[in-house]
Amino acid sequence: MWYDAHDRGQTEAFPLSMGPMKTETPAEEKAVPRRRSTRILLRVPLIINAVGDSVETEWEPVETITVSQHGAMIRAKQEFRVGDTLEIRVRNKDRSARARVAWRSAEATPQGVELGFEILDQEGFWEISFPPDRWSAKTTPRSSKP
């Protein structure tokens, strides 16, 4: 079982039974943030299609698994490759954007292959307010009131 101590003003996760664990991070990873923004679990119904493909592909209905200010993760049945440009549209809404496939899982599941994409041309595409990033916002300890 894991415990996330962030809610108490701490920034590490550790197993309840073992206490805090030290992990080593290579120096080059410390300098480069791994994520640009917080991911949240959110299902958004989309339709997606490859842009600029010489072969006509069908629009595929998908749902997001997680979203961030800069993109999302989905499961798709079609064989999109890292670097492909996608047209994404929110189903039943007049909202669309172009996105680039930034990541693809190595294995497919019966639901499809997981893809991570970054939105290229529509800042605020999701039309939601995201929580502040835990690693970039300075957290102040909560004051305890008597």
C-alpha atoms as a PDB file:
ATOM      1  CA  MET A   1       0.000   0.000   0.000  1.00  0.00           C
ATOM      2  CA  TRP A   2       1.314   3.475  -0.906  1.00  0.00           C
ATOM      3  CA  TYR A   3       0.751   6.759   0.812  1.00  0.00           C
ATOM      4  CA  ASP A   4       1.061  10.107  -0.923  1.00  0.00           C
ATOM      5  CA  ALA A   5       2.254  12.655   1.596  1.00  0.00           C
ATOM      6  CA  HIS A   6       1.587  15.645  -0.670  1.00  0.00           C
ATOM      7  CA  ASP A   7      -1.628  16.560   1.162  1.00  0.00           C
ATOM      8  CA  ARG A   8       0.418  17.119   4.325  1.00  0.00           C
ATOM      9  CA  GLY A   9       2.799  19.495   2.540  1.00  0.00           C
ATOM     10  CA  GLN A  10       5.383  16.795   1.774  1.00  0.00           C
ATOM     11  CA  THR A  11       6.317  15.804  -1.747  1.00  0.00           C
ATOM     12  CA  GLU A  12       7.238  12.142  -1.595  1.00  0.00           C
ATOM     13  CA  ALA A  13       5.289   8.906  -1.806  1.00  0.00           C
ATOM     14  CA  PHE A  14       6.287   5.904   0.243  1.00  0.00           C
ATOM     15  CA  PRO A  15       4.933   2.528   1.309  1.00  0.00           C
ATOM     16  CA  LEU A  16       3.074   2.741   4.603  1.00  0.00           C
ATOM     17  CA  SER A  17       4.843  -0.293   5.994  1.00  0.00           C
ATOM     18  CA  MET A  18       8.386   0.816   5.144  1.00  0.00           C
ATOM     19  CA  GLY A  19       8.531   4.574   5.718  1.00  0.00           C
ATOM     20  CA  PRO A  20      10.189   6.992   3.287  1.00  0.00           C
ATOM     21  CA  MET A  21      12.449   5.433   0.660  1.00  0.00           C
ATOM     22  CA  LYS A  22      15.420   7.141  -0.966  1.00  0.00           C
ATOM     23  CA  THR A  23      15.705   6.904  -4.723  1.00  0.00           C
ATOM     24  CA  GLU A  24      18.551   8.012  -6.925  1.00  0.00           C
ATOM     25  CA  THR A  25      17.826  10.248  -9.896  1.00  0.00           C
ATOM     26  CA  PRO A  26      20.540  10.843 -12.487  1.00  0.00           C
ATOM     27  CA  ALA A  27      21.710  14.471 -12.612  1.00  0.00           C
ATOM     28  CA  GLU A  28      20.491  14.974 -16.188  1.00  0.00           C
ATOM     29  CA  GLU A  29      16.942  13.945 -15.188  1.00  0.00           C
ATOM     30  CA  LYS A  30      16.908  16.396 -12.272  1.00  0.00           C
ATOM     31  CA  ALA A  31      17.446  19.368 -14.565  1.00  0.00           C
ATOM     32  CA  VAL A  32      14.674  18.477 -17.028  1.00  0.00           C
ATOM     33  CA  PRO A  33      11.059  18.291 -15.818  1.00  0.00           C
ATOM     34  CA  ARG A  34       9.349  15.136 -17.018  1.00  0.00           C
ATOM     35  CA  ARG A  35       5.908  16.712 -17.450  1.00  0.00           C
ATOM     36  CA  ARG A  36       4.830  20.140 -18.592  1.00  0.00           C
ATOM     37  CA  SER A  37       1.523  20.072 -16.713  1.00  0.00           C
ATOM     38  CA  THR A  38      -0.562  17.997 -14.341  1.00  0.00           C
ATOM     39  CA  ARG A  39      -2.505  15.045 -15.732  1.00  0.00           C
ATOM     40  CA  ILE A  40      -6.072  14.459 -14.611  1.00  0.00           C
ATOM     41  CA  LEU A  41      -8.343  11.493 -15.194  1.00  0.00           C
ATOM     42  CA  LEU A  42     -11.113  12.668 -17.493  1.00  0.00           C
ATOM     43  CA  ARG A  43     -13.182  10.967 -20.160  1.00  0.00           C
ATOM     44  CA  VAL A  44     -13.757  13.221 -23.134  1.00  0.00           C
ATOM     45  CA  PRO A  45     -15.400  11.667 -26.207  1.00  0.00           C
ATOM     46  CA  LEU A  46     -13.334  12.472 -29.311  1.00  0.00           C
ATOM     47  CA  ILE A  47     -13.072  11.483 -32.930  1.00  0.00           C
ATOM     48  CA  ILE A  48      -9.588  11.367 -34.433  1.00  0.00           C
ATOM     49  CA  ASN A  49      -8.036  10.974 -37.862  1.00  0.00           C
ATOM     50  CA  ALA A  50      -4.550  11.216 -39.340  1.00  0.00           C
ATOM     51  CA  VAL A  51      -3.744  14.433 -41.222  1.00  0.00           C
ATOM     52  CA  GLY A  52      -1.840  14.428 -44.499  1.00  0.00           C
ATOM     53  CA  ASP A  53      -1.849  10.653 -44.945  1.00  0.00           C
ATOM     54  CA  SER A  54      -1.830   9.560 -48.553  1.00  0.00           C
ATOM     55  CA  VAL A  55      -4.175   6.702 -47.614  1.00  0.00           C
ATOM     56  CA  GLU A  56      -7.682   7.668 -46.555  1.00  0.00           C
ATOM     57  CA  THR A  57      -8.297   6.637 -42.963  1.00  0.00           C
ATOM     58  CA  GLU A  58     -11.591   6.550 -41.136  1.00  0.00           C
ATOM     59  CA  TRP A  59     -12.490   8.851 -38.289  1.00  0.00           C
ATOM     60  CA  GLU A  60     -12.164   6.795 -35.125  1.00  0.00           C
ATOM     61  CA  PRO A  61     -14.286   7.424 -32.030  1.00  0.00           C
ATOM     62  CA  VAL A  62     -12.126   7.351 -28.871  1.00  0.00           C
ATOM     63  CA  GLU A  63     -12.220   8.620 -25.291  1.00  0.00           C
ATOM     64  CA  THR A  64      -9.457  10.270 -23.341  1.00  0.00           C
ATOM     65  CA  ILE A  65      -7.982   8.418 -20.372  1.00  0.00           C
ATOM     66  CA  THR A  66      -6.057  11.385 -18.976  1.00  0.00           C
ATOM     67  CA  VAL A  67      -5.811  14.998 -20.111  1.00  0.00           C
ATOM     68  CA  SER A  68      -3.393  17.831 -19.441  1.00  0.00           C
ATOM     69  CA  GLN A  69      -3.200  21.428 -20.590  1.00  0.00           C
ATOM     70  CA  HIS A  70      -0.964  20.288 -23.442  1.00  0.00           C
ATOM     71  CA  GLY A  71      -2.495  16.995 -24.591  1.00  0.00           C
ATOM     72  CA  ALA A  72      -4.031  13.686 -23.596  1.00  0.00           C
ATOM     73  CA  MET A  73      -3.727   9.920 -23.564  1.00  0.00           C
ATOM     74  CA  ILE A  74      -6.216   7.777 -25.489  1.00  0.00           C
ATOM     75  CA  ARG A  75      -6.630   4.192 -26.711  1.00  0.00           C
ATOM     76  CA  ALA A  76      -6.962   3.822 -30.474  1.00  0.00           C
ATOM     77  CA  LYS A  77      -7.549   0.830 -32.758  1.00  0.00           C
ATOM     78  CA  GLN A  78      -5.758   2.391 -35.748  1.00  0.00           C
ATOM     79  CA  GLU A  79      -1.990   2.148 -36.162  1.00  0.00           C
ATOM     80  CA  PHE A  80      -0.835   5.713 -35.528  1.00  0.00           C
ATOM     81  CA  ARG A  81       2.922   6.259 -35.233  1.00  0.00           C
ATOM     82  CA  VAL A  82       4.949   8.630 -33.061  1.00  0.00           C
ATOM     83  CA  GLY A  83       5.236  11.876 -35.011  1.00  0.00           C
ATOM     84  CA  ASP A  84       1.911  11.473 -36.869  1.00  0.00           C
ATOM     85  CA  THR A  85      -0.271  14.564 -36.966  1.00  0.00           C
ATOM     86  CA  LEU A  86      -3.874  14.005 -35.925  1.00  0.00           C
ATOM     87  CA  GLU A  87      -7.036  16.000 -36.266  1.00  0.00           C
ATOM     88  CA  ILE A  88      -8.980  15.682 -33.027  1.00  0.00           C
ATOM     89  CA  ARG A  89     -12.578  16.752 -32.552  1.00  0.00           C
ATOM     90  CA  VAL A  90     -14.743  16.710 -29.465  1.00  0.00           C
ATOM     91  CA  ARG A  91     -17.827  14.673 -30.344  1.00  0.00           C
ATOM     92  CA  ASN A  92     -21.077  16.662 -30.435  1.00  0.00           C
ATOM     93  CA  LYS A  93     -19.209  19.966 -30.055  1.00  0.00           C
ATOM     94  CA  ASP A  94     -17.767  22.413 -32.542  1.00  0.00           C
ATOM     95  CA  ARG A  95     -14.221  22.134 -31.242  1.00  0.00           C
ATOM     96  CA  SER A  96     -11.220  20.719 -33.081  1.00  0.00           C
ATOM     97  CA  ALA A  97      -7.436  20.920 -33.025  1.00  0.00           C
ATOM     98  CA  ARG A  98      -4.343  19.394 -34.527  1.00  0.00           C
ATOM     99  CA  ALA A  99      -2.171  17.180 -32.365  1.00  0.00           C
ATOM    100  CA  ARG A 100       1.076  15.246 -32.699  1.00  0.00           C
ATOM    101  CA  VAL A 101       1.468  11.672 -31.438  1.00  0.00           C
ATOM    102  CA  ALA A 102       4.252  12.001 -28.850  1.00  0.00           C
ATOM    103  CA  TRP A 103       4.177   8.504 -27.324  1.00  0.00           C
ATOM    104  CA  ARG A 104       2.835   5.053 -28.184  1.00  0.00           C
ATOM    105  CA  SER A 105       2.642   2.026 -25.904  1.00  0.00           C
ATOM    106  CA  ALA A 106       4.610  -1.017 -26.981  1.00  0.00           C
ATOM    107  CA  GLU A 107       1.724  -3.455 -26.565  1.00  0.00           C
ATOM    108  CA  ALA A 108      -1.860  -3.339 -27.759  1.00  0.00           C
ATOM    109  CA  THR A 109      -4.782  -4.404 -25.593  1.00  0.00           C
ATOM    110  CA  PRO A 110      -8.221  -5.529 -26.782  1.00  0.00           C
ATOM    111  CA  GLN A 111      -9.271  -1.865 -26.329  1.00  0.00           C
ATOM    112  CA  GLY A 112      -6.468  -0.666 -28.608  1.00  0.00           C
ATOM    113  CA  VAL A 113      -3.024   0.861 -28.273  1.00  0.00           C
ATOM    114  CA  GLU A 114      -2.397   3.711 -25.827  1.00  0.00           C
ATOM    115  CA  LEU A 115      -1.258   6.957 -27.450  1.00  0.00           C
ATOM    116  CA  GLY A 116      -0.113  10.202 -25.914  1.00  0.00           C
ATOM    117  CA  PHE A 117      -0.564  13.303 -28.021  1.00  0.00           C
ATOM    118  CA  GLU A 118       0.296  16.969 -27.666  1.00  0.00           C
ATOM    119  CA  ILE A 119      -2.073  19.634 -28.944  1.00  0.00           C
ATOM    120  CA  LEU A 120      -0.346  21.837 -31.489  1.00  0.00           C
ATOM    121  CA  ASP A 121      -2.658  24.758 -32.166  1.00  0.00           C
ATOM    122  CA  GLN A 122      -5.423  25.244 -29.589  1.00  0.00           C
ATOM    123  CA  GLU A 123      -4.373  26.502 -26.173  1.00  0.00           C
ATOM    124  CA  GLY A 124      -7.173  25.803 -23.695  1.00  0.00           C
ATOM    125  CA  PHE A 125      -8.664  23.110 -25.947  1.00  0.00           C
ATOM    126  CA  TRP A 126     -10.230  21.187 -23.044  1.00  0.00           C
ATOM    127  CA  GLU A 127     -12.042  24.279 -21.696  1.00  0.00           C
ATOM    128  CA  ILE A 128     -11.385  23.322 -18.078  1.00  0.00           C
ATOM    129  CA  SER A 129      -9.318  24.751 -15.239  1.00  0.00           C
ATOM    130  CA  PHE A 130      -6.405  22.525 -14.280  1.00  0.00           C
ATOM    131  CA  PRO A 131      -5.034  22.238 -10.737  1.00  0.00           C
ATOM    132  CA  PRO A 132      -1.625  23.829 -10.148  1.00  0.00           C
ATOM    133  CA  ASP A 133       1.399  21.678 -10.904  1.00  0.00           C
ATOM    134  CA  ARG A 134       2.726  20.052  -7.714  1.00  0.00           C
ATOM    135  CA  TRP A 135       6.345  20.316  -8.827  1.00  0.00           C
ATOM    136  CA  SER A 136       6.323  23.941 -10.000  1.00  0.00           C
ATOM    137  CA  ALA A 137       4.086  25.680  -7.484  1.00  0.00           C
ATOM    138  CA  LYS A 138       5.734  26.542  -4.199  1.00  0.00           C
ATOM    139  CA  THR A 139       3.855  24.767  -1.482  1.00  0.00           C
ATOM    140  CA  THR A 140       3.644  26.307   1.923  1.00  0.00           C
ATOM    141  CA  PRO A 141       3.034  24.182   4.978  1.00  0.00           C
ATOM    142  CA  ARG A 142      -0.491  24.392   6.283  1.00  0.00           C
ATOM    143  CA  SER A 143      -0.728  26.248   9.530  1.00  0.00           C
ATOM    144  CA  SER A 144      -2.232  24.285  12.341  1.00  0.00           C
ATOM    145  CA  LYS A 145      -4.856  26.145  14.267  1.00  0.00           C
ATOM    146  CA  PRO A 146      -5.237  25.414  17.981  1.00  0.00           C
END
